[in-house]
Amino acid sequence: MTHDAAAAVSVQVDDVDAAYAPAVTAGAEVVHPLTDEPWGVRRFVARDPDGQVVNVLGHA
């Protein structure tokens, strides 16, 4: 991630993959792709159309 992509908020969801497509369709810019992190979290980070950066995650 670039230095300007620090998430303003984290949102935990039951199904990260199900949240990804609607976020992109709604115009969110993905700044960190869907990733299985080594600490047991699947996540992506997106910037919404208003410029807010959101970390969307789920625990494996």
N, C-alpha and C. Protein backbone atom coordinates (compact mmCIF):
# COMPACT_ATOMS: atom_id res chain seq x y z
N MET A 1 0.84 -1.18 0.00
CA MET A 1 0.00 0.00 0.00
C MET A 1 0.89 1.24 0.00
N THR A 2 0.37 2.25 -0.63
CA THR A 2 1.11 3.50 -0.62
C THR A 2 0.85 4.23 0.68
N HIS A 3 1.70 5.20 0.99
CA HIS A 3 1.59 5.92 2.25
C HIS A 3 0.29 6.69 2.38
N ASP A 4 -0.36 7.06 1.28
CA ASP A 4 -1.59 7.84 1.37
C ASP A 4 -2.83 6.98 1.50
N ALA A 5 -2.67 5.68 1.63
CA ALA A 5 -3.81 4.78 1.67
C ALA A 5 -4.13 4.27 3.06
N ALA A 6 -3.70 4.96 4.09
CA ALA A 6 -4.02 4.54 5.45
C ALA A 6 -5.54 4.57 5.65
N ALA A 7 -6.07 3.46 6.11
CA ALA A 7 -7.52 3.35 6.24
C ALA A 7 -8.05 4.24 7.36
N ALA A 8 -9.13 4.93 7.07
CA ALA A 8 -9.80 5.77 8.06
C ALA A 8 -10.66 4.91 8.97
N VAL A 9 -11.13 3.79 8.44
CA VAL A 9 -12.03 2.92 9.20
C VAL A 9 -11.85 1.48 8.71
N SER A 10 -12.07 0.53 9.62
CA SER A 10 -12.08 -0.89 9.27
C SER A 10 -13.49 -1.41 9.49
N VAL A 11 -13.93 -2.24 8.54
CA VAL A 11 -15.26 -2.83 8.63
C VAL A 11 -15.10 -4.34 8.51
N GLN A 12 -15.56 -5.06 9.52
CA GLN A 12 -15.50 -6.52 9.48
C GLN A 12 -16.80 -7.04 8.89
N VAL A 13 -16.67 -7.94 7.91
CA VAL A 13 -17.84 -8.53 7.25
C VAL A 13 -17.73 -10.05 7.33
N ASP A 14 -18.85 -10.72 7.12
CA ASP A 14 -18.85 -12.18 7.13
C ASP A 14 -18.19 -12.76 5.89
N ASP A 15 -18.34 -12.09 4.74
CA ASP A 15 -17.84 -12.60 3.47
C ASP A 15 -17.17 -11.48 2.68
N VAL A 16 -15.84 -11.40 2.78
CA VAL A 16 -15.09 -10.33 2.12
C VAL A 16 -15.25 -10.40 0.61
N ASP A 17 -15.25 -11.61 0.06
CA ASP A 17 -15.39 -11.76 -1.38
C ASP A 17 -16.74 -11.22 -1.87
N ALA A 18 -17.78 -11.44 -1.10
CA ALA A 18 -19.11 -10.93 -1.47
C ALA A 18 -19.18 -9.41 -1.37
N ALA A 19 -18.36 -8.81 -0.53
CA ALA A 19 -18.34 -7.35 -0.39
C ALA A 19 -17.50 -6.67 -1.46
N TYR A 20 -16.56 -7.40 -2.05
CA TYR A 20 -15.61 -6.81 -2.99
C TYR A 20 -16.28 -6.32 -4.29
N ALA A 21 -17.01 -7.17 -4.96
CA ALA A 21 -17.60 -6.79 -6.25
C ALA A 21 -18.54 -5.59 -6.14
N PRO A 22 -19.43 -5.54 -5.17
CA PRO A 22 -20.30 -4.36 -5.06
C PRO A 22 -19.52 -3.07 -4.77
N ALA A 23 -18.43 -3.18 -4.03
CA ALA A 23 -17.62 -1.99 -3.76
C ALA A 23 -17.02 -1.45 -5.05
N VAL A 24 -16.49 -2.34 -5.86
CA VAL A 24 -15.90 -1.92 -7.13
C VAL A 24 -16.98 -1.38 -8.07
N THR A 25 -18.11 -2.06 -8.14
CA THR A 25 -19.22 -1.62 -8.99
C THR A 25 -19.72 -0.24 -8.58
N ALA A 26 -19.67 0.06 -7.29
CA ALA A 26 -20.14 1.35 -6.78
C ALA A 26 -19.13 2.47 -7.01
N GLY A 27 -17.96 2.12 -7.55
CA GLY A 27 -16.99 3.15 -7.88
C GLY A 27 -15.84 3.30 -6.92
N ALA A 28 -15.71 2.37 -5.97
CA ALA A 28 -14.60 2.43 -5.04
C ALA A 28 -13.30 2.09 -5.76
N GLU A 29 -12.26 2.85 -5.48
CA GLU A 29 -10.92 2.58 -6.02
C GLU A 29 -10.22 1.60 -5.08
N VAL A 30 -9.84 0.45 -5.57
CA VAL A 30 -9.14 -0.54 -4.74
C VAL A 30 -7.69 -0.09 -4.60
N VAL A 31 -7.26 0.16 -3.38
CA VAL A 31 -5.89 0.59 -3.12
C VAL A 31 -5.04 -0.53 -2.53
N HIS A 32 -5.68 -1.64 -2.15
CA HIS A 32 -4.98 -2.85 -1.71
C HIS A 32 -5.89 -4.00 -2.11
N PRO A 33 -5.44 -4.90 -3.00
CA PRO A 33 -6.31 -5.95 -3.53
C PRO A 33 -6.72 -6.98 -2.48
N LEU A 34 -7.68 -7.80 -2.85
CA LEU A 34 -8.07 -8.92 -1.98
C LEU A 34 -6.82 -9.72 -1.63
N THR A 35 -6.59 -9.88 -0.35
CA THR A 35 -5.37 -10.53 0.11
C THR A 35 -5.67 -11.38 1.34
N ASP A 36 -5.10 -12.57 1.37
CA ASP A 36 -5.10 -13.38 2.59
C ASP A 36 -3.83 -13.02 3.35
N GLU A 37 -3.99 -12.31 4.44
CA GLU A 37 -2.85 -11.84 5.22
C GLU A 37 -2.33 -12.97 6.11
N PRO A 38 -1.03 -12.97 6.41
CA PRO A 38 -0.45 -14.04 7.22
C PRO A 38 -1.00 -14.11 8.64
N TRP A 39 -1.64 -13.06 9.10
CA TRP A 39 -2.17 -13.06 10.48
C TRP A 39 -3.63 -13.54 10.53
N GLY A 40 -4.12 -14.17 9.42
CA GLY A 40 -5.42 -14.82 9.45
C GLY A 40 -6.60 -13.96 9.04
N VAL A 41 -6.34 -12.89 8.32
CA VAL A 41 -7.39 -11.98 7.87
C VAL A 41 -7.40 -11.96 6.35
N ARG A 42 -8.58 -11.99 5.76
CA ARG A 42 -8.73 -11.76 4.32
C ARG A 42 -9.30 -10.35 4.22
N ARG A 43 -8.71 -9.52 3.33
CA ARG A 43 -9.14 -8.13 3.29
C ARG A 43 -8.86 -7.49 1.95
N PHE A 44 -9.48 -6.34 1.77
CA PHE A 44 -9.11 -5.41 0.72
C PHE A 44 -9.30 -4.01 1.29
N VAL A 45 -8.63 -3.05 0.68
CA VAL A 45 -8.75 -1.67 1.11
C VAL A 45 -9.19 -0.86 -0.10
N ALA A 46 -10.20 -0.03 0.08
CA ALA A 46 -10.75 0.74 -1.02
C ALA A 46 -10.97 2.19 -0.62
N ARG A 47 -10.90 3.04 -1.62
CA ARG A 47 -11.22 4.45 -1.43
C ARG A 47 -12.59 4.66 -2.06
N ASP A 48 -13.54 5.16 -1.29
CA ASP A 48 -14.89 5.36 -1.82
C ASP A 48 -14.92 6.63 -2.68
N PRO A 49 -16.02 6.85 -3.38
CA PRO A 49 -16.09 8.03 -4.26
C PRO A 49 -15.88 9.37 -3.55
N ASP A 50 -16.08 9.41 -2.23
CA ASP A 50 -15.86 10.64 -1.48
C ASP A 50 -14.42 10.77 -0.98
N GLY A 51 -13.57 9.76 -1.27
CA GLY A 51 -12.18 9.82 -0.88
C GLY A 51 -11.84 9.15 0.44
N GLN A 52 -12.84 8.59 1.13
CA GLN A 52 -12.58 7.91 2.40
C GLN A 52 -11.99 6.54 2.14
N VAL A 53 -10.97 6.16 2.91
CA VAL A 53 -10.32 4.86 2.74
C VAL A 53 -10.86 3.89 3.78
N VAL A 54 -11.31 2.72 3.29
CA VAL A 54 -11.97 1.73 4.15
C VAL A 54 -11.26 0.38 4.01
N ASN A 55 -10.89 -0.18 5.13
CA ASN A 55 -10.31 -1.52 5.21
C ASN A 55 -11.47 -2.50 5.45
N VAL A 56 -11.75 -3.37 4.48
CA VAL A 56 -12.84 -4.33 4.61
C VAL A 56 -12.20 -5.69 4.87
N LEU A 57 -12.57 -6.32 5.98
CA LEU A 57 -11.89 -7.53 6.38
C LEU A 57 -12.82 -8.57 6.96
N GLY A 58 -12.34 -9.80 6.94
CA GLY A 58 -13.01 -10.91 7.59
C GLY A 58 -11.96 -11.85 8.15
N HIS A 59 -12.28 -12.52 9.23
CA HIS A 59 -11.34 -13.46 9.84
C HIS A 59 -11.54 -14.83 9.22
N ALA A 60 -10.42 -15.48 8.96
CA ALA A 60 -10.46 -16.80 8.34
C ALA A 60 -10.86 -17.86 9.34
